Amino acid sequence: MDVIQLPNGNLLVPESALAEGGQLIGDAYVEIGPADAEYDRLAEHALTEEQLEERRRRWQEGDADLQRQFAEYRASLGVAPGPVPRPDAD
């Protein structure tokens, strides 16, 4: 999860919620402002929402090429196109 810089200057910072035994319950974002002691350190690596969207778009474009290459590989093996079966599927 990335640190996100909001248009108002605040940051959305990932934070994990843990159960008493240390098990991960979930991940969420908390909003902090410039008055927070960790703000300057976290802001150094923060991405804007536009930068994150551009990163997602590039990943999806890369994924499309990777999926095409995998389909070609499967075809070269004589495997029918379609979803890859999950190892735990019956």
PDB file of N, CA and C in Angstrom:
ATOM      1  N   MET A   1       0.856  -1.173   0.000  1.00  0.00           N
ATOM      2  CA  MET A   1       0.000   0.000   0.000  1.00  0.00           C
ATOM      3  C   MET A   1       0.896   1.227   0.000  1.00  0.00           C
ATOM      4  N   ASP A   2       0.489   2.208  -0.760  1.00  0.00           N
ATOM      5  CA  ASP A   2       1.280   3.422  -0.915  1.00  0.00           C
ATOM      6  C   ASP A   2       0.753   4.536  -0.027  1.00  0.00           C
ATOM      7  N   VAL A   3       1.623   5.487   0.252  1.00  0.00           N
ATOM      8  CA  VAL A   3       1.206   6.722   0.911  1.00  0.00           C
ATOM      9  C   VAL A   3       0.680   7.638  -0.191  1.00  0.00           C
ATOM     10  N   ILE A   4      -0.515   8.182   0.019  1.00  0.00           N
ATOM     11  CA  ILE A   4      -1.177   9.006  -0.994  1.00  0.00           C
ATOM     12  C   ILE A   4      -1.275  10.440  -0.492  1.00  0.00           C
ATOM     13  N   GLN A   5      -0.813  11.389  -1.328  1.00  0.00           N
ATOM     14  CA  GLN A   5      -0.944  12.798  -0.980  1.00  0.00           C
ATOM     15  C   GLN A   5      -2.249  13.317  -1.561  1.00  0.00           C
ATOM     16  N   LEU A   6      -3.110  13.809  -0.692  1.00  0.00           N
ATOM     17  CA  LEU A   6      -4.417  14.324  -1.087  1.00  0.00           C
ATOM     18  C   LEU A   6      -4.286  15.757  -1.590  1.00  0.00           C
ATOM     19  N   PRO A   7      -5.253  16.242  -2.372  1.00  0.00           N
ATOM     20  CA  PRO A   7      -5.205  17.614  -2.872  1.00  0.00           C
ATOM     21  C   PRO A   7      -5.123  18.668  -1.763  1.00  0.00           C
ATOM     22  N   ASN A   8      -5.645  18.355  -0.570  1.00  0.00           N
ATOM     23  CA  ASN A   8      -5.604  19.321   0.532  1.00  0.00           C
ATOM     24  C   ASN A   8      -4.260  19.312   1.273  1.00  0.00           C
ATOM     25  N   GLY A   9      -3.304  18.465   0.819  1.00  0.00           N
ATOM     26  CA  GLY A   9      -1.987  18.396   1.440  1.00  0.00           C
ATOM     27  C   GLY A   9      -1.840  17.303   2.480  1.00  0.00           C
ATOM     28  N   ASN A  10      -2.945  16.787   2.975  1.00  0.00           N
ATOM     29  CA  ASN A  10      -2.874  15.690   3.934  1.00  0.00           C
ATOM     30  C   ASN A  10      -2.424  14.412   3.230  1.00  0.00           C
ATOM     31  N   LEU A  11      -2.038  13.430   4.022  1.00  0.00           N
ATOM     32  CA  LEU A  11      -1.603  12.153   3.493  1.00  0.00           C
ATOM     33  C   LEU A  11      -2.540  11.050   3.947  1.00  0.00           C
ATOM     34  N   LEU A  12      -2.774  10.085   3.056  1.00  0.00           N
ATOM     35  CA  LEU A  12      -3.430   8.846   3.439  1.00  0.00           C
ATOM     36  C   LEU A  12      -2.305   7.833   3.642  1.00  0.00           C
ATOM     37  N   VAL A  13      -2.224   7.306   4.859  1.00  0.00           N
ATOM     38  CA  VAL A  13      -1.128   6.434   5.243  1.00  0.00           C
ATOM     39  C   VAL A  13      -1.689   5.050   5.560  1.00  0.00           C
ATOM     40  N   PRO A  14      -1.090   3.992   4.984  1.00  0.00           N
ATOM     41  CA  PRO A  14      -1.579   2.647   5.292  1.00  0.00           C
ATOM     42  C   PRO A  14      -1.315   2.277   6.738  1.00  0.00           C
ATOM     43  N   GLU A  15      -2.274   1.585   7.309  1.00  0.00           N
ATOM     44  CA  GLU A  15      -2.138   1.131   8.691  1.00  0.00           C
ATOM     45  C   GLU A  15      -2.807  -0.234   8.796  1.00  0.00           C
ATOM     46  N   SER A  16      -2.167  -1.146   9.485  1.00  0.00           N
ATOM     47  CA  SER A  16      -2.718  -2.484   9.664  1.00  0.00           C
ATOM     48  C   SER A  16      -3.386  -2.591  11.024  1.00  0.00           C
ATOM     49  N   ALA A  17      -4.489  -3.308  11.052  1.00  0.00           N
ATOM     50  CA  ALA A  17      -5.167  -3.597  12.310  1.00  0.00           C
ATOM     51  C   ALA A  17      -4.820  -5.030  12.704  1.00  0.00           C
ATOM     52  N   LEU A  18      -4.336  -5.201  13.928  1.00  0.00           N
ATOM     53  CA  LEU A  18      -3.939  -6.517  14.415  1.00  0.00           C
ATOM     54  C   LEU A  18      -4.804  -6.934  15.589  1.00  0.00           C
ATOM     55  N   ALA A  19      -5.106  -8.227  15.652  1.00  0.00           N
ATOM     56  CA  ALA A  19      -5.811  -8.779  16.796  1.00  0.00           C
ATOM     57  C   ALA A  19      -4.826  -8.890  17.961  1.00  0.00           C
ATOM     58  N   GLU A  20      -5.332  -9.165  19.153  1.00  0.00           N
ATOM     59  CA  GLU A  20      -4.463  -9.267  20.324  1.00  0.00           C
ATOM     60  C   GLU A  20      -3.375 -10.314  20.143  1.00  0.00           C
ATOM     61  N   GLY A  21      -3.664 -11.374  19.420  1.00  0.00           N
ATOM     62  CA  GLY A  21      -2.676 -12.422  19.189  1.00  0.00           C
ATOM     63  C   GLY A  21      -1.695 -12.098  18.080  1.00  0.00           C
ATOM     64  N   GLY A  22      -1.838 -10.930  17.468  1.00  0.00           N
ATOM     65  CA  GLY A  22      -0.932 -10.530  16.410  1.00  0.00           C
ATOM     66  C   GLY A  22      -1.404 -10.877  15.011  1.00  0.00           C
ATOM     67  N   GLN A  23      -2.578 -11.502  14.882  1.00  0.00           N
ATOM     68  CA  GLN A  23      -3.095 -11.847  13.561  1.00  0.00           C
ATOM     69  C   GLN A  23      -3.598 -10.584  12.871  1.00  0.00           C
ATOM     70  N   LEU A  24      -3.333 -10.509  11.572  1.00  0.00           N
ATOM     71  CA  LEU A  24      -3.775  -9.372  10.780  1.00  0.00           C
ATOM     72  C   LEU A  24      -5.288  -9.424  10.605  1.00  0.00           C
ATOM     73  N   ILE A  25      -5.949  -8.352  10.992  1.00  0.00           N
ATOM     74  CA  ILE A  25      -7.396  -8.246  10.800  1.00  0.00           C
ATOM     75  C   ILE A  25      -7.685  -7.587   9.455  1.00  0.00           C
ATOM     76  N   GLY A  26      -6.912  -6.552   9.136  1.00  0.00           N
ATOM     77  CA  GLY A  26      -7.118  -5.863   7.867  1.00  0.00           C
ATOM     78  C   GLY A  26      -6.198  -4.677   7.731  1.00  0.00           C
ATOM     79  N   ASP A  27      -6.174  -4.149   6.509  1.00  0.00           N
ATOM     80  CA  ASP A  27      -5.402  -2.958   6.211  1.00  0.00           C
ATOM     81  C   ASP A  27      -6.368  -1.830   5.885  1.00  0.00           C
ATOM     82  N   ALA A  28      -5.985  -0.633   6.251  1.00  0.00           N
ATOM     83  CA  ALA A  28      -6.810   0.538   5.991  1.00  0.00           C
ATOM     84  C   ALA A  28      -5.889   1.740   5.832  1.00  0.00           C
ATOM     85  N   TYR A  29      -6.468   2.848   5.453  1.00  0.00           N
ATOM     86  CA  TYR A  29      -5.727   4.101   5.372  1.00  0.00           C
ATOM     87  C   TYR A  29      -6.205   5.033   6.481  1.00  0.00           C
ATOM     88  N   VAL A  30      -5.280   5.778   7.057  1.00  0.00           N
ATOM     89  CA  VAL A  30      -5.616   6.841   7.995  1.00  0.00           C
ATOM     90  C   VAL A  30      -5.092   8.144   7.409  1.00  0.00           C
ATOM     91  N   GLU A  31      -5.819   9.205   7.636  1.00  0.00           N
ATOM     92  CA  GLU A  31      -5.423  10.513   7.111  1.00  0.00           C
ATOM     93  C   GLU A  31      -4.653  11.270   8.183  1.00  0.00           C
ATOM     94  N   ILE A  32      -3.479  11.777   7.782  1.00  0.00           N
ATOM     95  CA  ILE A  32      -2.686  12.597   8.700  1.00  0.00           C
ATOM     96  C   ILE A  32      -2.389  13.930   8.035  1.00  0.00           C
ATOM     97  N   GLY A  33      -2.154  14.941   8.862  1.00  0.00           N
ATOM     98  CA  GLY A  33      -1.837  16.267   8.361  1.00  0.00           C
ATOM     99  C   GLY A  33      -0.402  16.656   8.687  1.00  0.00           C
ATOM    100  N   PRO A  34       0.000  17.847   8.261  1.00  0.00           N
ATOM    101  CA  PRO A  34       1.366  18.322   8.480  1.00  0.00           C
ATOM    102  C   PRO A  34       1.781  18.389   9.947  1.00  0.00           C
ATOM    103  N   ALA A  35       0.835  18.443  10.859  1.00  0.00           N
ATOM    104  CA  ALA A  35       1.172  18.506  12.285  1.00  0.00           C
ATOM    105  C   ALA A  35       1.618  17.152  12.838  1.00  0.00           C
ATOM    106  N   ASP A  36       1.373  16.074  12.107  1.00  0.00           N
ATOM    107  CA  ASP A  36       1.760  14.739  12.570  1.00  0.00           C
ATOM    108  C   ASP A  36       3.282  14.604  12.546  1.00  0.00           C
ATOM    109  N   ALA A  37       3.824  13.967  13.556  1.00  0.00           N
ATOM    110  CA  ALA A  37       5.278  13.812  13.675  1.00  0.00           C
ATOM    111  C   ALA A  37       5.890  13.040  12.511  1.00  0.00           C
ATOM    112  N   GLU A  38       5.150  12.169  11.881  1.00  0.00           N
ATOM    113  CA  GLU A  38       5.666  11.342  10.789  1.00  0.00           C
ATOM    114  C   GLU A  38       5.417  11.945   9.404  1.00  0.00           C
ATOM    115  N   TYR A  39       4.732  13.080   9.355  1.00  0.00           N
ATOM    116  CA  TYR A  39       4.305  13.656   8.080  1.00  0.00           C
ATOM    117  C   TYR A  39       5.467  13.876   7.110  1.00  0.00           C
ATOM    118  N   ASP A  40       6.511  14.573   7.537  1.00  0.00           N
ATOM    119  CA  ASP A  40       7.622  14.905   6.632  1.00  0.00           C
ATOM    120  C   ASP A  40       8.282  13.658   6.071  1.00  0.00           C
ATOM    121  N   ARG A  41       8.515  12.684   6.911  1.00  0.00           N
ATOM    122  CA  ARG A  41       9.155  11.443   6.463  1.00  0.00           C
ATOM    123  C   ARG A  41       8.280  10.719   5.442  1.00  0.00           C
ATOM    124  N   LEU A  42       6.983  10.636   5.712  1.00  0.00           N
ATOM    125  CA  LEU A  42       6.074   9.930   4.819  1.00  0.00           C
ATOM    126  C   LEU A  42       5.810  10.699   3.525  1.00  0.00           C
ATOM    127  N   ALA A  43       5.803  12.025   3.609  1.00  0.00           N
ATOM    128  CA  ALA A  43       5.529  12.849   2.431  1.00  0.00           C
ATOM    129  C   ALA A  43       6.620  12.715   1.373  1.00  0.00           C
ATOM    130  N   GLU A  44       7.832  12.372   1.795  1.00  0.00           N
ATOM    131  CA  GLU A  44       8.931  12.228   0.836  1.00  0.00           C
ATOM    132  C   GLU A  44       8.623  11.191  -0.240  1.00  0.00           C
ATOM    133  N   HIS A  45       7.853  10.168   0.096  1.00  0.00           N
ATOM    134  CA  HIS A  45       7.586   9.074  -0.827  1.00  0.00           C
ATOM    135  C   HIS A  45       6.123   9.005  -1.261  1.00  0.00           C
ATOM    136  N   ALA A  46       5.341  10.009  -0.887  1.00  0.00           N
ATOM    137  CA  ALA A  46       3.914   9.999  -1.205  1.00  0.00           C
ATOM    138  C   ALA A  46       3.693  10.213  -2.698  1.00  0.00           C
ATOM    139  N   LEU A  47       2.642   9.590  -3.194  1.00  0.00           N
ATOM    140  CA  LEU A  47       2.223   9.745  -4.576  1.00  0.00           C
ATOM    141  C   LEU A  47       0.867  10.430  -4.602  1.00  0.00           C
ATOM    142  N   THR A  48       0.642  11.241  -5.618  1.00  0.00           N
ATOM    143  CA  THR A  48      -0.677  11.841  -5.764  1.00  0.00           C
ATOM    144  C   THR A  48      -1.636  10.782  -6.300  1.00  0.00           C
ATOM    145  N   GLU A  49      -2.910  11.063  -6.208  1.00  0.00           N
ATOM    146  CA  GLU A  49      -3.909  10.129  -6.738  1.00  0.00           C
ATOM    147  C   GLU A  49      -3.729   9.959  -8.249  1.00  0.00           C
ATOM    148  N   GLU A  50      -3.327  11.030  -8.944  1.00  0.00           N
ATOM    149  CA  GLU A  50      -3.091  10.955 -10.381  1.00  0.00           C
ATOM    150  C   GLU A  50      -1.892  10.053 -10.689  1.00  0.00           C
ATOM    151  N   GLN A  51      -0.832  10.152  -9.890  1.00  0.00           N
ATOM    152  CA  GLN A  51       0.335   9.287 -10.093  1.00  0.00           C
ATOM    153  C   GLN A  51      -0.024   7.820  -9.865  1.00  0.00           C
ATOM    154  N   LEU A  52      -0.836   7.564  -8.845  1.00  0.00           N
ATOM    155  CA  LEU A  52      -1.265   6.187  -8.592  1.00  0.00           C
ATOM    156  C   LEU A  52      -2.111   5.648  -9.741  1.00  0.00           C
ATOM    157  N   GLU A  53      -3.001   6.467 -10.275  1.00  0.00           N
ATOM    158  CA  GLU A  53      -3.839   6.046 -11.392  1.00  0.00           C
ATOM    159  C   GLU A  53      -2.982   5.756 -12.622  1.00  0.00           C
ATOM    160  N   GLU A  54      -1.981   6.590 -12.875  1.00  0.00           N
ATOM    161  CA  GLU A  54      -1.077   6.352 -14.000  1.00  0.00           C
ATOM    162  C   GLU A  54      -0.311   5.045 -13.805  1.00  0.00           C
ATOM    163  N   ARG A  55       0.125   4.775 -12.590  1.00  0.00           N
ATOM    164  CA  ARG A  55       0.829   3.523 -12.289  1.00  0.00           C
ATOM    165  C   ARG A  55      -0.089   2.334 -12.541  1.00  0.00           C
ATOM    166  N   ARG A  56      -1.343   2.411 -12.083  1.00  0.00           N
ATOM    167  CA  ARG A  56      -2.307   1.325 -12.313  1.00  0.00           C
ATOM    168  C   ARG A  56      -2.533   1.097 -13.808  1.00  0.00           C
ATOM    169  N   ARG A  57      -2.649   2.201 -14.554  1.00  0.00           N
ATOM    170  CA  ARG A  57      -2.873   2.097 -15.990  1.00  0.00           C
ATOM    171  C   ARG A  57      -1.700   1.395 -16.670  1.00  0.00           C
ATOM    172  N   ARG A  58      -0.482   1.768 -16.292  1.00  0.00           N
ATOM    173  CA  ARG A  58       0.713   1.127 -16.875  1.00  0.00           C
ATOM    174  C   ARG A  58       0.752  -0.357 -16.512  1.00  0.00           C
ATOM    175  N   TRP A  59       0.410  -0.708 -15.265  1.00  0.00           N
ATOM    176  CA  TRP A  59       0.386  -2.116 -14.859  1.00  0.00           C
ATOM    177  C   TRP A  59      -0.624  -2.889 -15.694  1.00  0.00           C
ATOM    178  N   GLN A  60      -1.812  -2.307 -15.884  1.00  0.00           N
ATOM    179  CA  GLN A  60      -2.841  -2.999 -16.656  1.00  0.00           C
ATOM    180  C   GLN A  60      -2.398  -3.202 -18.092  1.00  0.00           C
ATOM    181  N   GLU A  61      -1.740  -2.201 -18.673  1.00  0.00           N
ATOM    182  CA  GLU A  61      -1.223  -2.353 -20.031  1.00  0.00           C
ATOM    183  C   GLU A  61      -0.171  -3.454 -20.066  1.00  0.00           C
ATOM    184  N   GLY A  62       0.698  -3.481 -19.073  1.00  0.00           N
ATOM    185  CA  GLY A  62       1.707  -4.529 -18.980  1.00  0.00           C
ATOM    186  C   GLY A  62       1.076  -5.885 -18.770  1.00  0.00           C
ATOM    187  N   ASP A  63       0.009  -5.927 -17.989  1.00  0.00           N
ATOM    188  CA  ASP A  63      -0.699  -7.184 -17.753  1.00  0.00           C
ATOM    189  C   ASP A  63      -1.297  -7.721 -19.045  1.00  0.00           C
ATOM    190  N   ALA A  64      -1.823  -6.841 -19.883  1.00  0.00           N
ATOM    191  CA  ALA A  64      -2.428  -7.283 -21.140  1.00  0.00           C
ATOM    192  C   ALA A  64      -1.373  -7.955 -22.012  1.00  0.00           C
ATOM    193  N   ASP A  65      -0.178  -7.384 -22.086  1.00  0.00           N
ATOM    194  CA  ASP A  65       0.889  -7.975 -22.875  1.00  0.00           C
ATOM    195  C   ASP A  65       1.312  -9.321 -22.281  1.00  0.00           C
ATOM    196  N   LEU A  66       1.435  -9.378 -20.953  1.00  0.00           N
ATOM    197  CA  LEU A  66       1.813 -10.617 -20.291  1.00  0.00           C
ATOM    198  C   LEU A  66       0.750 -11.696 -20.513  1.00  0.00           C
ATOM    199  N   GLN A  67      -0.522 -11.330 -20.438  1.00  0.00           N
ATOM    200  CA  GLN A  67      -1.597 -12.299 -20.669  1.00  0.00           C
ATOM    201  C   GLN A  67      -1.565 -12.819 -22.101  1.00  0.00           C
ATOM    202  N   ARG A  68      -1.281 -11.938 -23.064  1.00  0.00           N
ATOM    203  CA  ARG A  68      -1.175 -12.358 -24.458  1.00  0.00           C
ATOM    204  C   ARG A  68      -0.022 -13.349 -24.633  1.00  0.00           C
ATOM    205  N   GLN A  69       1.126 -13.033 -24.021  1.00  0.00           N
ATOM    206  CA  GLN A  69       2.277 -13.936 -24.122  1.00  0.00           C
ATOM    207  C   GLN A  69       1.964 -15.297 -23.501  1.00  0.00           C
ATOM    208  N   PHE A  70       1.261 -15.291 -22.377  1.00  0.00           N
ATOM    209  CA  PHE A  70       0.921 -16.545 -21.717  1.00  0.00           C
ATOM    210  C   PHE A  70      -0.054 -17.357 -22.569  1.00  0.00           C
ATOM    211  N   ALA A  71      -1.014 -16.678 -23.194  1.00  0.00           N
ATOM    212  CA  ALA A  71      -1.965 -17.379 -24.069  1.00  0.00           C
ATOM    213  C   ALA A  71      -1.229 -18.007 -25.249  1.00  0.00           C
ATOM    214  N   GLU A  72      -0.257 -17.299 -25.798  1.00  0.00           N
ATOM    215  CA  GLU A  72       0.542 -17.847 -26.895  1.00  0.00           C
ATOM    216  C   GLU A  72       1.341 -19.059 -26.414  1.00  0.00           C
ATOM    217  N   TYR A  73       1.905 -18.968 -25.223  1.00  0.00           N
ATOM    218  CA  TYR A  73       2.663 -20.087 -24.661  1.00  0.00           C
ATOM    219  C   TYR A  73       1.760 -21.302 -24.473  1.00  0.00           C
ATOM    220  N   ARG A  74       0.587 -21.087 -23.905  1.00  0.00           N
ATOM    221  CA  ARG A  74      -0.352 -22.200 -23.700  1.00  0.00           C
ATOM    222  C   ARG A  74      -0.747 -22.818 -25.030  1.00  0.00           C
ATOM    223  N   ALA A  75      -0.981 -21.971 -26.032  1.00  0.00           N
ATOM    224  CA  ALA A  75      -1.353 -22.482 -27.356  1.00  0.00           C
ATOM    225  C   ALA A  75      -0.221 -23.327 -27.942  1.00  0.00           C
ATOM    226  N   SER A  76       1.028 -22.894 -27.695  1.00  0.00           N
ATOM    227  CA  SER A  76       2.168 -23.664 -28.218  1.00  0.00           C
ATOM    228  C   SER A  76       2.268 -25.036 -27.560  1.00  0.00           C
ATOM    229  N   LEU A  77       1.700 -25.169 -26.367  1.00  0.00           N
ATOM    230  CA  LEU A  77       1.680 -26.455 -25.662  1.00  0.00           C
ATOM    231  C   LEU A  77       0.444 -27.285 -25.993  1.00  0.00           C
ATOM    232  N   GLY A  78      -0.475 -26.692 -26.762  1.00  0.00           N
ATOM    233  CA  GLY A  78      -1.703 -27.387 -27.103  1.00  0.00           C
ATOM    234  C   GLY A  78      -2.763 -27.304 -26.013  1.00  0.00           C
ATOM    235  N   VAL A  79      -2.603 -26.379 -25.081  1.00  0.00           N
ATOM    236  CA  VAL A  79      -3.574 -26.203 -23.996  1.00  0.00           C
ATOM    237  C   VAL A  79      -4.668 -25.259 -24.481  1.00  0.00           C
ATOM    238  N   ALA A  80      -5.909 -25.610 -24.220  1.00  0.00           N
ATOM    239  CA  ALA A  80      -7.041 -24.797 -24.644  1.00  0.00           C
ATOM    240  C   ALA A  80      -6.991 -23.427 -23.983  1.00  0.00           C
ATOM    241  N   PRO A  81      -7.413 -22.380 -24.711  1.00  0.00           N
ATOM    242  CA  PRO A  81      -7.459 -21.056 -24.094  1.00  0.00           C
ATOM    243  C   PRO A  81      -8.506 -21.008 -22.992  1.00  0.00           C
ATOM    244  N   GLY A  82      -8.336 -20.075 -22.107  1.00  0.00           N
ATOM    245  CA  GLY A  82      -9.281 -19.916 -21.014  1.00  0.00           C
ATOM    246  C   GLY A  82      -8.549 -19.694 -19.713  1.00  0.00           C
ATOM    247  N   PRO A  83      -9.296 -19.617 -18.643  1.00  0.00           N
ATOM    248  CA  PRO A  83      -8.672 -19.368 -17.348  1.00  0.00           C
ATOM    249  C   PRO A  83      -7.785 -20.532 -16.920  1.00  0.00           C
ATOM    250  N   VAL A  84      -6.773 -20.209 -16.174  1.00  0.00           N
ATOM    251  CA  VAL A  84      -5.867 -21.222 -15.640  1.00  0.00           C
ATOM    252  C   VAL A  84      -6.569 -21.872 -14.458  1.00  0.00           C
ATOM    253  N   PRO A  85      -6.655 -23.216 -14.437  1.00  0.00           N
ATOM    254  CA  PRO A  85      -7.306 -23.870 -13.299  1.00  0.00           C
ATOM    255  C   PRO A  85      -6.536 -23.638 -12.019  1.00  0.00           C
ATOM    256  N   ARG A  86      -7.253 -23.417 -10.935  1.00  0.00           N
ATOM    257  CA  ARG A  86      -6.612 -23.241  -9.633  1.00  0.00           C
ATOM    258  C   ARG A  86      -6.168 -24.596  -9.130  1.00  0.00           C
ATOM    259  N   PRO A  87      -5.018 -24.629  -8.441  1.00  0.00           N
ATOM    260  CA  PRO A  87      -4.508 -25.915  -7.928  1.00  0.00           C
ATOM    261  C   PRO A  87      -5.459 -26.601  -6.951  1.00  0.00           C
ATOM    262  N   ASP A  88      -6.274 -25.821  -6.226  1.00  0.00           N
ATOM    263  CA  ASP A  88      -7.162 -26.407  -5.221  1.00  0.00           C
ATOM    264  C   ASP A  88      -8.545 -26.736  -5.773  1.00  0.00           C
ATOM    265  N   ALA A  89      -8.764 -26.488  -7.082  1.00  0.00           N
ATOM    266  CA  ALA A  89     -10.082 -26.773  -7.663  1.00  0.00           C
ATOM    267  C   ALA A  89     -10.239 -28.263  -7.900  1.00  0.00           C
ATOM    268  N   ASP A  90     -11.444 -28.747  -7.664  1.00  0.00           N
ATOM    269  CA  ASP A  90     -11.728 -30.181  -7.873  1.00  0.00           C
ATOM    270  C   ASP A  90     -12.210 -30.427  -9.270  1.00  0.00           C
TER     271      ASP A  90
END
